[in-house]
Amino acid sequence: MSLRWNRGRAALRLQTLGWFPLLVTVGPIGKATAVHRDAAARLTAAVLAGRGMNFTDQQLVEYLPQAQARWQRALMERRRLFTAERLLRARRCSYCASWSDTSATHCAGCRRRFTVADDTEWNTTVSRATATVAEAEAILADLARGVVLERLTGASHG
């Protein structure tokens, strides 16, 4: 993603390089002027005030290879989170595989009455899904804070 800000004849471009954590670079379009320097200083101050970090070009070059891996890991965790959240919003019939409301006593698809065994299976599914939601949210928060990927490899993938 790229954004452009204009003020008079001065223009800045903000280019997103990564999302977990958000990693951007900002620079002038054309020759740098006092307006560019002032805007860059205000932007840097805002980032630092929000607990962000300022990288040198060398640090950025070293960090960029991780950006793609972090994004892939975040996508995987978002998929796990979406799937687990769906399991918490509806229950699936073991007979016809239709989805029903969590409070339903009968399947919305085949109208079969849910049994004690179905309820026990549902409770196990809810426990697993709840644990998966908590784990995926924690990993996404760690990725957003910039935790090193190697520290996340020990996490299970429910």
Protein backbone atom coordinates (compact mmCIF):
# COMPACT_ATOMS: atom_id res chain seq x y z
CA MET A 1 0.00 0.00 0.00
CA SER A 2 1.26 3.43 -0.84
CA LEU A 3 -0.07 6.83 0.21
CA ARG A 4 0.86 10.27 -1.04
CA TRP A 5 0.55 13.57 0.82
CA ASN A 6 0.78 16.92 -0.93
CA ARG A 7 1.30 20.35 0.56
CA GLY A 8 1.79 22.98 -2.06
CA ARG A 9 4.53 21.68 -4.35
CA ALA A 10 5.96 19.34 -1.68
CA ALA A 11 4.87 15.69 -1.65
CA LEU A 12 5.65 12.73 0.60
CA ARG A 13 5.13 9.06 -0.12
CA LEU A 14 4.44 6.51 2.59
CA GLN A 15 5.08 2.94 1.44
CA THR A 16 3.98 -0.07 3.50
CA LEU A 17 6.67 -2.75 3.66
CA GLY A 18 5.10 -5.13 6.16
CA TRP A 19 2.07 -5.53 8.39
CA PHE A 20 3.12 -7.60 11.42
CA PRO A 21 4.28 -5.26 12.83
CA LEU A 22 3.32 -2.37 10.60
CA LEU A 23 6.49 -1.38 8.77
CA VAL A 24 6.54 1.72 6.56
CA THR A 25 9.04 3.98 4.91
CA VAL A 26 8.43 7.66 4.20
CA GLY A 27 10.30 9.88 1.83
CA PRO A 28 10.00 12.95 -0.34
CA ILE A 29 8.79 12.80 -3.90
CA GLY A 30 11.27 14.93 -5.73
CA LYS A 31 13.83 17.15 -4.05
CA ALA A 32 13.63 17.27 -0.23
CA THR A 33 12.65 20.69 1.12
CA ALA A 34 12.04 22.23 4.55
CA VAL A 35 8.38 21.18 4.24
CA HIS A 36 9.49 17.57 3.72
CA ARG A 37 11.86 17.68 6.69
CA ASP A 38 9.18 19.23 8.92
CA ALA A 39 6.58 16.61 7.89
CA ALA A 40 9.08 13.77 8.39
CA ALA A 41 10.00 15.09 11.85
CA ARG A 42 6.33 15.33 12.89
CA LEU A 43 5.60 11.86 11.55
CA THR A 44 8.62 10.40 13.35
CA ALA A 45 7.56 12.09 16.60
CA ALA A 46 4.04 10.64 16.26
CA VAL A 47 5.38 7.14 15.61
CA LEU A 48 7.75 7.30 18.57
CA ALA A 49 4.98 8.67 20.82
CA GLY A 50 2.88 5.64 19.86
CA ARG A 51 5.67 3.29 20.99
CA GLY A 52 6.87 2.80 17.42
CA MET A 53 10.49 2.52 16.40
CA ASN A 54 12.72 4.36 13.98
CA PHE A 55 15.07 2.17 11.87
CA THR A 56 18.18 3.09 9.98
CA ASP A 57 18.38 1.99 6.35
CA GLN A 58 20.77 -0.82 7.36
CA GLN A 59 18.41 -2.08 10.09
CA LEU A 60 15.54 -1.97 7.64
CA VAL A 61 17.47 -4.03 5.08
CA GLU A 62 18.20 -6.63 7.77
CA TYR A 63 14.57 -6.72 8.95
CA LEU A 64 12.82 -6.88 5.57
CA PRO A 65 13.41 -10.61 4.93
CA GLN A 66 11.37 -11.34 8.06
CA ALA A 67 8.47 -9.23 6.84
CA GLN A 68 7.21 -11.82 4.31
CA ALA A 69 7.52 -14.69 6.80
CA ARG A 70 5.69 -12.67 9.45
CA TRP A 71 2.89 -11.84 7.02
CA GLN A 72 2.50 -15.52 6.06
CA ARG A 73 2.38 -16.52 9.73
CA ALA A 74 -0.21 -13.81 10.42
CA LEU A 75 -2.40 -15.05 7.55
CA MET A 76 -2.22 -18.59 8.91
CA GLU A 77 -3.19 -17.39 12.39
CA ARG A 78 -6.06 -15.29 10.99
CA ARG A 79 -7.40 -18.41 9.22
CA ARG A 80 -7.15 -20.45 12.44
CA LEU A 81 -8.90 -17.65 14.34
CA PHE A 82 -11.72 -17.37 11.76
CA THR A 83 -12.33 -21.13 11.77
CA ALA A 84 -12.32 -21.37 15.57
CA GLU A 85 -14.65 -18.38 15.91
CA ARG A 86 -17.09 -19.98 13.47
CA LEU A 87 -17.11 -23.14 15.60
CA LEU A 88 -18.10 -20.98 18.58
CA ARG A 89 -20.99 -19.35 16.71
CA ALA A 90 -22.65 -22.53 15.39
CA ARG A 91 -22.68 -26.27 15.88
CA ARG A 92 -22.32 -28.84 13.12
CA CYS A 93 -24.51 -31.90 12.78
CA SER A 94 -22.51 -35.13 12.86
CA TYR A 95 -25.13 -36.77 10.64
CA CYS A 96 -25.67 -34.30 7.74
CA ALA A 97 -22.89 -31.72 8.40
CA SER A 98 -25.35 -28.79 8.43
CA TRP A 99 -24.71 -25.82 10.70
CA SER A 100 -27.21 -24.95 13.44
CA ASP A 101 -27.51 -22.28 16.10
CA THR A 102 -25.52 -23.10 19.24
CA SER A 103 -28.70 -23.31 21.33
CA ALA A 104 -30.58 -25.52 18.84
CA THR A 105 -31.95 -28.83 20.06
CA HIS A 106 -32.51 -30.08 16.49
CA CYS A 107 -30.34 -29.88 13.38
CA ALA A 108 -31.30 -27.07 11.01
CA GLY A 109 -30.58 -29.33 8.02
CA CYS A 110 -31.98 -32.80 8.75
CA ARG A 111 -34.09 -31.90 11.84
CA ARG A 112 -32.48 -34.76 13.80
CA ARG A 113 -32.53 -34.16 17.55
CA PHE A 114 -29.05 -33.58 19.00
CA THR A 115 -28.13 -36.38 21.41
CA VAL A 116 -26.10 -36.38 24.63
CA ALA A 117 -23.18 -37.69 22.57
CA ASP A 118 -23.60 -34.73 20.17
CA ASP A 119 -23.65 -32.34 23.14
CA THR A 120 -20.50 -33.92 24.60
CA GLU A 121 -18.76 -33.62 21.22
CA TRP A 122 -19.97 -29.99 20.99
CA ASN A 123 -18.54 -29.19 24.44
CA THR A 124 -15.18 -30.65 23.41
CA THR A 125 -15.28 -28.61 20.19
CA VAL A 126 -16.05 -25.43 22.14
CA SER A 127 -13.13 -26.08 24.51
CA ARG A 128 -10.70 -26.62 21.64
CA ALA A 129 -12.01 -23.64 19.67
CA THR A 130 -11.79 -21.37 22.72
CA ALA A 131 -8.17 -22.42 23.28
CA THR A 132 -7.39 -21.90 19.59
CA VAL A 133 -8.92 -18.40 19.64
CA ALA A 134 -6.84 -17.43 22.67
CA GLU A 135 -3.64 -18.84 21.16
CA ALA A 136 -4.16 -17.28 17.71
CA GLU A 137 -4.98 -13.88 19.22
CA ALA A 138 -1.85 -14.04 21.39
CA ILE A 139 0.35 -14.95 18.41
CA LEU A 140 -1.16 -12.15 16.30
CA ALA A 141 -0.53 -9.69 19.14
CA ASP A 142 3.07 -10.91 19.39
CA LEU A 143 3.53 -10.53 15.63
CA ALA A 144 2.11 -7.01 15.77
CA ARG A 145 4.53 -6.13 18.59
CA GLY A 146 7.46 -7.49 16.58
CA VAL A 147 8.25 -10.62 18.61
CA VAL A 148 10.92 -12.64 16.82
CA LEU A 149 9.41 -15.45 14.74
CA GLU A 150 11.67 -18.08 16.25
CA ARG A 151 10.02 -17.49 19.64
CA LEU A 152 6.64 -18.27 18.09
CA THR A 153 7.64 -21.60 16.55
CA GLY A 154 7.06 -23.40 19.84
CA ALA A 155 3.36 -22.48 19.77
CA SER A 156 1.01 -25.34 18.95
CA HIS A 157 -1.31 -25.09 15.99
CA GLY A 158 -4.58 -26.38 17.62
